[in-house]
Amino acid sequence: MPNSDNALNLQKNHGHVPVMRDRVTQLLAPAVTKAGDQAIIIDATLGAGGHTEYFLKTFPQVRVIGVDRDPNALRDASARLAPFGDRFTAVQQRFDAVDKAIAAGTGEVFETALKVGISGALFDLGVSSMQLDQAERGFAYSIDAPLDMRMDPSQGITAADILNTYSHGDIARILKTYGDERFAGKIAAAVIREREKAPFENSARLVELLYREIPAATRRTGGHPAKRTFQALRVEVNQELDSITQAIPTITKLLAVGGRAVFMAYQSHEDRIVKRAFAELTASKNPPGLPVDLPGMDPVFALITRKAEKASPQEIAENPRSAPVRVRAIERLRPDNSSATSQEGLA
């Protein structure tokens, strides 16, 4: 089982502290132990590779498939994890398409994943600390940078595209839905006015607009006034909520019996998606009112975390980015006899 080393010491050379590292590892440990030398973990949001590094150190038999859509993250994490040799495999893919990554992969680790199933999976949702710390990516509102925000910088629309082309109604909807921004309509109107003068390109201009449009009384509470708008733009650019919705059935189909999936959410709308999906997956399929359970109608999955778990006060003090995290985990109890198995569907 993982020890309680200070995560800051382990990660001091990488600029990234893996949130709830020990607890996530504890949640996956029974599944990894059960699978023995066939244990495979998918780190579906590899980022800087901090969680994966700890998995590989803690479980000497495990192999990890690290998935990330960001080629820069894959490059840097692969260099960091090179000492583990073929126990680590990197794949560039969206986390809601890990099944495609497994099906298209070549080599023994992918063959085992298809034949036996996945022992564990981790989804550390949202933007990674590494991406936030790279000023040129445009995720951070504290540094002037191009308004990009794409996790995969080779494809898709940018935050600037949204500001320069979306209608007033669509901009307001995004800010309200994904950022819980009280002044969404007012900000959207200001964006429309400003882009008529010149298109948005860099973050500083947007931050200045937000300071003007958000009342001073509101700016004095609730954190930086740009936080909600930047969050909303990032979610829209990367279609994050759609990806989470699609990722849950994708990964649960890949799990072996006894396999576990852990989701770490940092925003309320992310956590709601996970909570609702887990409730459906763990519900009995028996029609109400029957005196006995019908064969094969009992739940295929069980909750490992009865409610969302949070970081400890000590961890939050050491790593403030862990403050909003909500962790939920689920375990496959039996094969799903109502549909083809994940291995049959992928083979």
Protein backbone atom coordinates (compact mmCIF):
# COMPACT_ATOMS: atom_id res chain seq x y z
CA MET A 1 0.00 0.00 0.00
CA PRO A 2 1.21 3.54 -0.62
CA ASN A 3 3.01 5.36 2.15
CA SER A 4 2.39 8.94 3.18
CA ASP A 5 5.53 10.59 1.78
CA ASN A 6 5.19 14.29 1.24
CA ALA A 7 4.04 14.63 -2.39
CA LEU A 8 5.90 17.89 -2.65
CA ASN A 9 9.23 16.16 -2.09
CA LEU A 10 8.52 13.47 -4.67
CA GLN A 11 7.51 15.98 -7.32
CA LYS A 12 9.89 18.87 -6.61
CA ASN A 13 11.75 18.40 -9.89
CA HIS A 14 8.64 18.29 -12.06
CA GLY A 15 6.57 21.30 -10.98
CA HIS A 16 3.47 19.14 -10.51
CA VAL A 17 1.94 17.74 -7.34
CA PRO A 18 -0.42 14.83 -8.08
CA VAL A 19 -3.65 15.51 -6.22
CA MET A 20 -4.73 12.87 -3.65
CA ARG A 21 -1.96 10.61 -4.87
CA ASP A 22 -2.03 8.22 -1.91
CA ARG A 23 -5.82 7.91 -1.74
CA VAL A 24 -6.18 7.29 -5.48
CA THR A 25 -3.54 4.58 -5.24
CA GLN A 26 -5.33 2.99 -2.29
CA LEU A 27 -8.57 2.91 -4.26
CA LEU A 28 -6.91 1.10 -7.16
CA ALA A 29 -4.78 -1.25 -5.03
CA PRO A 30 -7.29 -4.14 -4.56
CA ALA A 31 -7.90 -4.39 -8.31
CA VAL A 32 -4.20 -4.28 -9.11
CA THR A 33 -3.41 -6.92 -6.48
CA LYS A 34 -6.16 -9.21 -7.76
CA ALA A 35 -4.85 -9.03 -11.34
CA GLY A 36 -1.28 -9.86 -10.35
CA ASP A 37 1.21 -9.81 -13.20
CA GLN A 38 -1.59 -9.05 -15.67
CA ALA A 39 -2.48 -5.78 -13.95
CA ILE A 40 -2.88 -2.82 -16.30
CA ILE A 41 -3.84 0.71 -15.30
CA ILE A 42 -4.99 3.32 -17.79
CA ASP A 43 -4.02 6.83 -16.75
CA ALA A 44 -6.47 8.50 -19.08
CA THR A 45 -5.33 12.03 -18.23
CA LEU A 46 -1.57 11.53 -18.05
CA GLY A 47 -0.51 15.18 -17.76
CA ALA A 48 2.91 15.46 -16.17
CA GLY A 49 2.84 11.77 -15.22
CA GLY A 50 2.89 12.21 -11.44
CA HIS A 51 0.16 9.70 -10.66
CA THR A 52 1.57 7.18 -13.13
CA GLU A 53 5.06 7.47 -11.65
CA TYR A 54 3.69 6.66 -8.23
CA PHE A 55 1.65 3.71 -9.54
CA LEU A 56 4.75 2.24 -11.16
CA LYS A 57 6.78 2.69 -7.99
CA THR A 58 4.08 1.34 -5.67
CA PHE A 59 3.01 -1.69 -7.75
CA PRO A 60 6.14 -3.43 -9.15
CA GLN A 61 4.06 -5.72 -11.36
CA VAL A 62 1.74 -3.14 -12.91
CA ARG A 63 1.91 -1.71 -16.41
CA VAL A 64 0.43 1.67 -17.23
CA ILE A 65 -0.98 2.97 -20.50
CA GLY A 66 -0.78 6.75 -20.32
CA VAL A 67 -3.30 8.62 -22.48
CA ASP A 68 -3.31 12.34 -23.24
CA ARG A 69 -4.42 14.46 -26.17
CA ASP A 70 -1.62 16.95 -25.51
CA PRO A 71 1.54 15.96 -27.44
CA ASN A 72 3.69 18.15 -25.19
CA ALA A 73 2.43 16.33 -22.11
CA LEU A 74 3.11 12.95 -23.70
CA ARG A 75 6.63 13.97 -24.67
CA ASP A 76 7.56 15.30 -21.24
CA ALA A 77 5.86 12.50 -19.28
CA SER A 78 7.46 9.84 -21.47
CA ALA A 79 10.90 11.30 -20.74
CA ARG A 80 10.10 11.34 -17.03
CA LEU A 81 8.86 7.73 -17.06
CA ALA A 82 11.58 6.32 -19.33
CA PRO A 83 13.34 4.57 -16.38
CA PHE A 84 10.35 2.21 -16.12
CA GLY A 85 10.99 0.83 -19.62
CA ASP A 86 8.16 -1.09 -21.25
CA ARG A 87 6.05 -0.97 -18.11
CA PHE A 88 4.85 2.43 -19.40
CA THR A 89 3.26 3.02 -22.79
CA ALA A 90 2.19 6.46 -24.04
CA VAL A 91 -0.77 7.01 -26.37
CA GLN A 92 -1.99 10.28 -27.86
CA GLN A 93 -5.78 10.19 -27.71
CA ARG A 94 -8.75 11.92 -26.10
CA PHE A 95 -9.70 10.32 -22.80
CA ASP A 96 -13.20 9.55 -24.07
CA ALA A 97 -11.66 7.39 -26.82
CA VAL A 98 -9.43 5.10 -24.76
CA ASP A 99 -11.21 2.13 -26.30
CA LYS A 100 -9.93 3.20 -29.71
CA ALA A 101 -6.44 3.55 -28.30
CA ILE A 102 -6.58 0.01 -26.90
CA ALA A 103 -8.04 -1.47 -30.08
CA ALA A 104 -5.46 0.24 -32.31
CA GLY A 105 -2.46 -0.48 -30.10
CA THR A 106 0.14 -3.09 -30.90
CA GLY A 107 2.15 -5.09 -28.43
CA GLU A 108 1.62 -7.40 -25.49
CA VAL A 109 0.17 -4.78 -23.12
CA PHE A 110 -2.66 -3.99 -25.56
CA GLU A 111 -3.27 -7.69 -26.24
CA THR A 112 -3.61 -8.30 -22.50
CA ALA A 113 -5.93 -5.32 -22.13
CA LEU A 114 -8.19 -6.72 -24.85
CA LYS A 115 -8.11 -10.29 -23.59
CA VAL A 116 -8.17 -9.83 -19.81
CA GLY A 117 -9.48 -6.30 -19.33
CA ILE A 118 -8.24 -3.27 -17.48
CA SER A 119 -7.50 -3.49 -13.75
CA GLY A 120 -7.73 0.21 -13.01
CA ALA A 121 -8.33 3.58 -14.59
CA LEU A 122 -7.77 7.15 -13.47
CA PHE A 123 -9.44 10.26 -14.88
CA ASP A 124 -7.98 13.43 -13.37
CA LEU A 125 -10.35 15.87 -15.05
CA GLY A 126 -9.86 19.45 -16.16
CA VAL A 127 -6.68 21.27 -17.04
CA SER A 128 -3.44 19.92 -15.61
CA SER A 129 -1.07 21.88 -13.42
CA MET A 130 1.54 21.55 -16.14
CA GLN A 131 -0.74 23.22 -18.69
CA LEU A 132 -1.64 26.00 -16.29
CA ASP A 133 2.03 26.65 -15.71
CA GLN A 134 2.81 26.97 -19.43
CA ALA A 135 2.02 30.62 -20.07
CA GLU A 136 2.00 30.29 -23.85
CA ARG A 137 -0.97 27.89 -23.73
CA GLY A 138 -3.37 30.67 -22.65
CA PHE A 139 -5.03 28.76 -19.80
CA ALA A 140 -3.92 31.17 -17.09
CA TYR A 141 -5.43 34.63 -16.68
CA SER A 142 -2.49 35.92 -14.62
CA ILE A 143 -0.10 36.11 -17.60
CA ASP A 144 -0.70 37.73 -20.98
CA ALA A 145 -0.68 35.03 -23.66
CA PRO A 146 -2.50 34.03 -26.86
CA LEU A 147 -6.11 32.99 -26.19
CA ASP A 148 -5.66 29.36 -27.24
CA MET A 149 -6.65 26.94 -24.41
CA ARG A 150 -6.61 23.83 -26.63
CA MET A 151 -5.34 20.74 -24.85
CA ASP A 152 -4.34 19.42 -28.26
CA PRO A 153 -2.91 22.52 -29.96
CA SER A 154 -3.05 20.87 -33.39
CA GLN A 155 -6.81 20.82 -33.79
CA GLY A 156 -10.09 22.46 -32.86
CA ILE A 157 -11.19 26.01 -32.18
CA THR A 158 -9.39 28.35 -29.79
CA ALA A 159 -10.75 30.60 -27.07
CA ALA A 160 -10.10 33.55 -29.39
CA ASP A 161 -12.28 31.90 -32.06
CA ILE A 162 -15.14 31.69 -29.56
CA LEU A 163 -14.84 35.32 -28.51
CA ASN A 164 -14.54 36.54 -32.10
CA THR A 165 -17.26 34.45 -33.77
CA TYR A 166 -19.89 33.23 -31.29
CA SER A 167 -23.15 35.14 -30.92
CA HIS A 168 -24.03 37.13 -27.83
CA GLY A 169 -26.44 34.39 -26.75
CA ASP A 170 -23.91 31.60 -27.16
CA ILE A 171 -21.16 33.45 -25.30
CA ALA A 172 -23.54 34.23 -22.44
CA ARG A 173 -24.73 30.62 -22.32
CA ILE A 174 -21.19 29.29 -22.12
CA LEU A 175 -20.20 31.69 -19.34
CA LYS A 176 -23.33 30.94 -17.35
CA THR A 177 -23.40 27.17 -17.85
CA TYR A 178 -19.71 26.33 -17.58
CA GLY A 179 -18.51 29.16 -15.36
CA ASP A 180 -21.52 30.00 -13.16
CA GLU A 181 -20.86 33.61 -14.12
CA ARG A 182 -23.52 35.95 -12.71
CA PHE A 183 -22.70 38.68 -15.22
CA ALA A 184 -22.63 36.43 -18.29
CA GLY A 185 -24.94 38.60 -20.39
CA LYS A 186 -23.13 41.82 -19.52
CA ILE A 187 -19.74 40.29 -20.32
CA ALA A 188 -21.02 38.84 -23.60
CA ALA A 189 -22.31 42.25 -24.68
CA ALA A 190 -18.96 43.83 -23.89
CA VAL A 191 -17.15 41.15 -25.89
CA ILE A 192 -19.34 41.85 -28.92
CA ARG A 193 -18.63 45.59 -28.66
CA GLU A 194 -14.89 45.13 -28.25
CA ARG A 195 -14.43 42.66 -31.09
CA GLU A 196 -15.97 45.18 -33.49
CA LYS A 197 -12.98 47.39 -32.75
CA ALA A 198 -10.42 44.59 -33.14
CA PRO A 199 -10.51 40.81 -32.76
CA PHE A 200 -9.44 39.26 -29.47
CA GLU A 201 -5.99 37.70 -29.59
CA ASN A 202 -4.40 37.79 -26.12
CA SER A 203 -5.62 37.18 -22.61
CA ALA A 204 -4.68 40.56 -21.10
CA ARG A 205 -7.32 42.37 -23.14
CA LEU A 206 -10.02 39.96 -21.99
CA VAL A 207 -8.92 40.29 -18.36
CA GLU A 208 -9.11 44.09 -18.65
CA LEU A 209 -12.64 43.79 -20.05
CA LEU A 210 -13.69 41.58 -17.16
CA TYR A 211 -12.33 44.03 -14.60
CA ARG A 212 -14.41 46.78 -16.24
CA GLU A 213 -17.64 44.81 -16.51
CA ILE A 214 -17.71 42.97 -13.17
CA PRO A 215 -18.73 45.31 -10.34
CA ALA A 216 -16.07 46.22 -7.80
CA ALA A 217 -18.05 44.74 -4.91
CA THR A 218 -18.11 41.36 -6.66
CA ARG A 219 -14.42 41.57 -7.55
CA ARG A 220 -13.52 41.83 -3.89
CA THR A 221 -14.94 38.37 -3.14
CA GLY A 222 -14.90 34.97 -4.80
CA GLY A 223 -11.41 34.98 -6.23
CA HIS A 224 -10.04 36.50 -9.42
CA PRO A 225 -12.81 38.02 -11.60
CA ALA A 226 -11.45 36.26 -14.69
CA LYS A 227 -11.49 32.79 -13.17
CA ARG A 228 -15.04 31.86 -14.16
CA THR A 229 -14.79 33.18 -17.72
CA PHE A 230 -11.49 31.44 -18.40
CA GLN A 231 -12.86 28.19 -16.99
CA ALA A 232 -15.95 28.42 -19.19
CA LEU A 233 -13.93 29.13 -22.34
CA ARG A 234 -11.61 26.21 -21.64
CA VAL A 235 -14.51 23.80 -21.14
CA GLU A 236 -16.09 24.92 -24.43
CA VAL A 237 -12.82 24.81 -26.39
CA ASN A 238 -12.09 21.25 -25.32
CA GLN A 239 -15.70 20.01 -25.13
CA GLU A 240 -14.87 18.70 -21.68
CA LEU A 241 -18.35 17.87 -20.41
CA ASP A 242 -19.24 15.88 -23.52
CA SER A 243 -15.95 14.02 -23.15
CA ILE A 244 -16.70 13.09 -19.53
CA THR A 245 -20.18 11.88 -20.44
CA GLN A 246 -18.76 9.65 -23.17
CA ALA A 247 -15.73 8.51 -21.17
CA ILE A 248 -17.64 6.83 -18.35
CA PRO A 249 -19.40 4.10 -20.39
CA THR A 250 -16.26 3.71 -22.49
CA ILE A 251 -13.96 2.93 -19.57
CA THR A 252 -16.45 0.84 -17.59
CA LYS A 253 -16.83 -1.51 -20.55
CA LEU A 254 -13.07 -2.03 -20.56
CA LEU A 255 -12.81 -2.95 -16.88
CA ALA A 256 -12.15 -6.56 -15.92
CA VAL A 257 -14.27 -8.09 -13.16
CA GLY A 258 -12.85 -6.54 -10.00
CA GLY A 259 -11.45 -3.62 -11.99
CA ARG A 260 -11.87 -0.10 -10.65
CA ALA A 261 -12.20 3.36 -12.19
CA VAL A 262 -11.45 6.55 -10.28
CA PHE A 263 -12.69 9.99 -11.38
CA MET A 264 -11.33 13.24 -9.93
CA ALA A 265 -13.53 16.28 -10.62
CA TYR A 266 -12.71 19.90 -9.80
CA GLN A 267 -15.93 21.60 -10.90
CA SER A 268 -19.47 20.99 -9.73
CA HIS A 269 -20.82 20.26 -13.22
CA GLU A 270 -18.09 17.66 -13.79
CA ASP A 271 -18.85 15.95 -10.48
CA ARG A 272 -22.60 15.93 -11.20
CA ILE A 273 -22.00 14.06 -14.45
CA VAL A 274 -19.88 11.43 -12.69
CA LYS A 275 -22.30 11.09 -9.77
CA ARG A 276 -25.33 10.57 -12.00
CA ALA A 277 -23.56 8.10 -14.28
CA PHE A 278 -22.30 6.08 -11.31
CA ALA A 279 -25.82 6.01 -9.83
CA GLU A 280 -27.17 4.53 -13.06
CA LEU A 281 -24.36 1.99 -13.34
CA THR A 282 -24.84 0.73 -9.77
CA ALA A 283 -28.63 0.52 -9.87
CA SER A 284 -30.43 -2.80 -9.93
CA LYS A 285 -32.23 -3.57 -13.22
CA ASN A 286 -34.95 -5.58 -11.48
CA PRO A 287 -38.48 -4.27 -12.11
CA PRO A 288 -39.88 -2.67 -8.95
CA GLY A 289 -42.14 -4.75 -6.76
CA LEU A 290 -40.73 -8.20 -7.51
CA PRO A 291 -40.33 -10.40 -4.41
CA VAL A 292 -36.99 -11.80 -5.63
CA ASP A 293 -34.22 -10.57 -7.90
CA LEU A 294 -34.26 -11.89 -11.44
CA PRO A 295 -31.10 -13.66 -12.66
CA GLY A 296 -28.60 -11.29 -14.20
CA MET A 297 -30.51 -8.17 -13.14
CA ASP A 298 -28.40 -7.31 -10.11
CA PRO A 299 -25.97 -4.40 -10.49
CA VAL A 300 -22.91 -4.86 -12.67
CA PHE A 301 -21.01 -2.17 -10.72
CA ALA A 302 -20.67 -1.05 -7.10
CA LEU A 303 -19.65 2.26 -5.60
CA ILE A 304 -16.33 2.19 -3.76
CA THR A 305 -16.74 5.75 -2.49
CA ARG A 306 -20.19 6.21 -0.98
CA LYS A 307 -19.92 9.94 -1.53
CA ALA A 308 -17.35 12.21 -3.08
CA GLU A 309 -14.09 12.23 -1.14
CA LYS A 310 -12.09 15.41 -0.62
CA ALA A 311 -8.47 16.29 0.01
CA SER A 312 -7.38 16.56 3.63
CA PRO A 313 -6.68 19.96 5.19
CA GLN A 314 -2.99 19.05 5.29
CA GLU A 315 -2.89 18.29 1.56
CA ILE A 316 -4.78 21.47 0.73
CA ALA A 317 -2.25 23.45 2.74
CA GLU A 318 0.62 21.80 0.84
CA ASN A 319 -1.09 21.89 -2.56
CA PRO A 320 -3.88 24.50 -2.87
CA ARG A 321 -4.89 23.09 -6.26
CA SER A 322 -6.33 20.07 -4.43
CA ALA A 323 -8.94 22.17 -2.58
CA PRO A 324 -11.86 21.73 -5.01
CA VAL A 325 -11.27 18.07 -5.93
CA ARG A 326 -14.05 15.49 -5.55
CA VAL A 327 -13.08 11.83 -5.94
CA ARG A 328 -15.46 9.01 -6.82
CA ALA A 329 -14.65 5.36 -7.60
CA ILE A 330 -16.55 2.42 -9.00
CA GLU A 331 -15.83 -1.33 -9.30
CA ARG A 332 -17.05 -3.94 -11.79
CA LEU A 333 -18.73 -6.82 -9.92
CA ARG A 334 -19.53 -9.19 -12.75
CA PRO A 335 -19.68 -9.44 -16.55
CA ASP A 336 -22.52 -7.57 -18.21
CA ASN A 337 -24.52 -10.40 -19.70
CA SER A 338 -26.99 -8.05 -21.35
CA SER A 339 -24.50 -6.94 -24.00
CA ALA A 340 -21.28 -7.99 -25.66
CA THR A 341 -18.22 -7.80 -23.45
CA SER A 342 -15.73 -5.03 -23.97
CA GLN A 343 -13.23 -7.51 -25.35
CA GLU A 344 -15.69 -8.88 -27.87
CA GLY A 345 -16.67 -5.40 -28.93
CA LEU A 346 -13.06 -4.34 -29.45
CA ALA A 347 -11.59 -7.50 -30.94
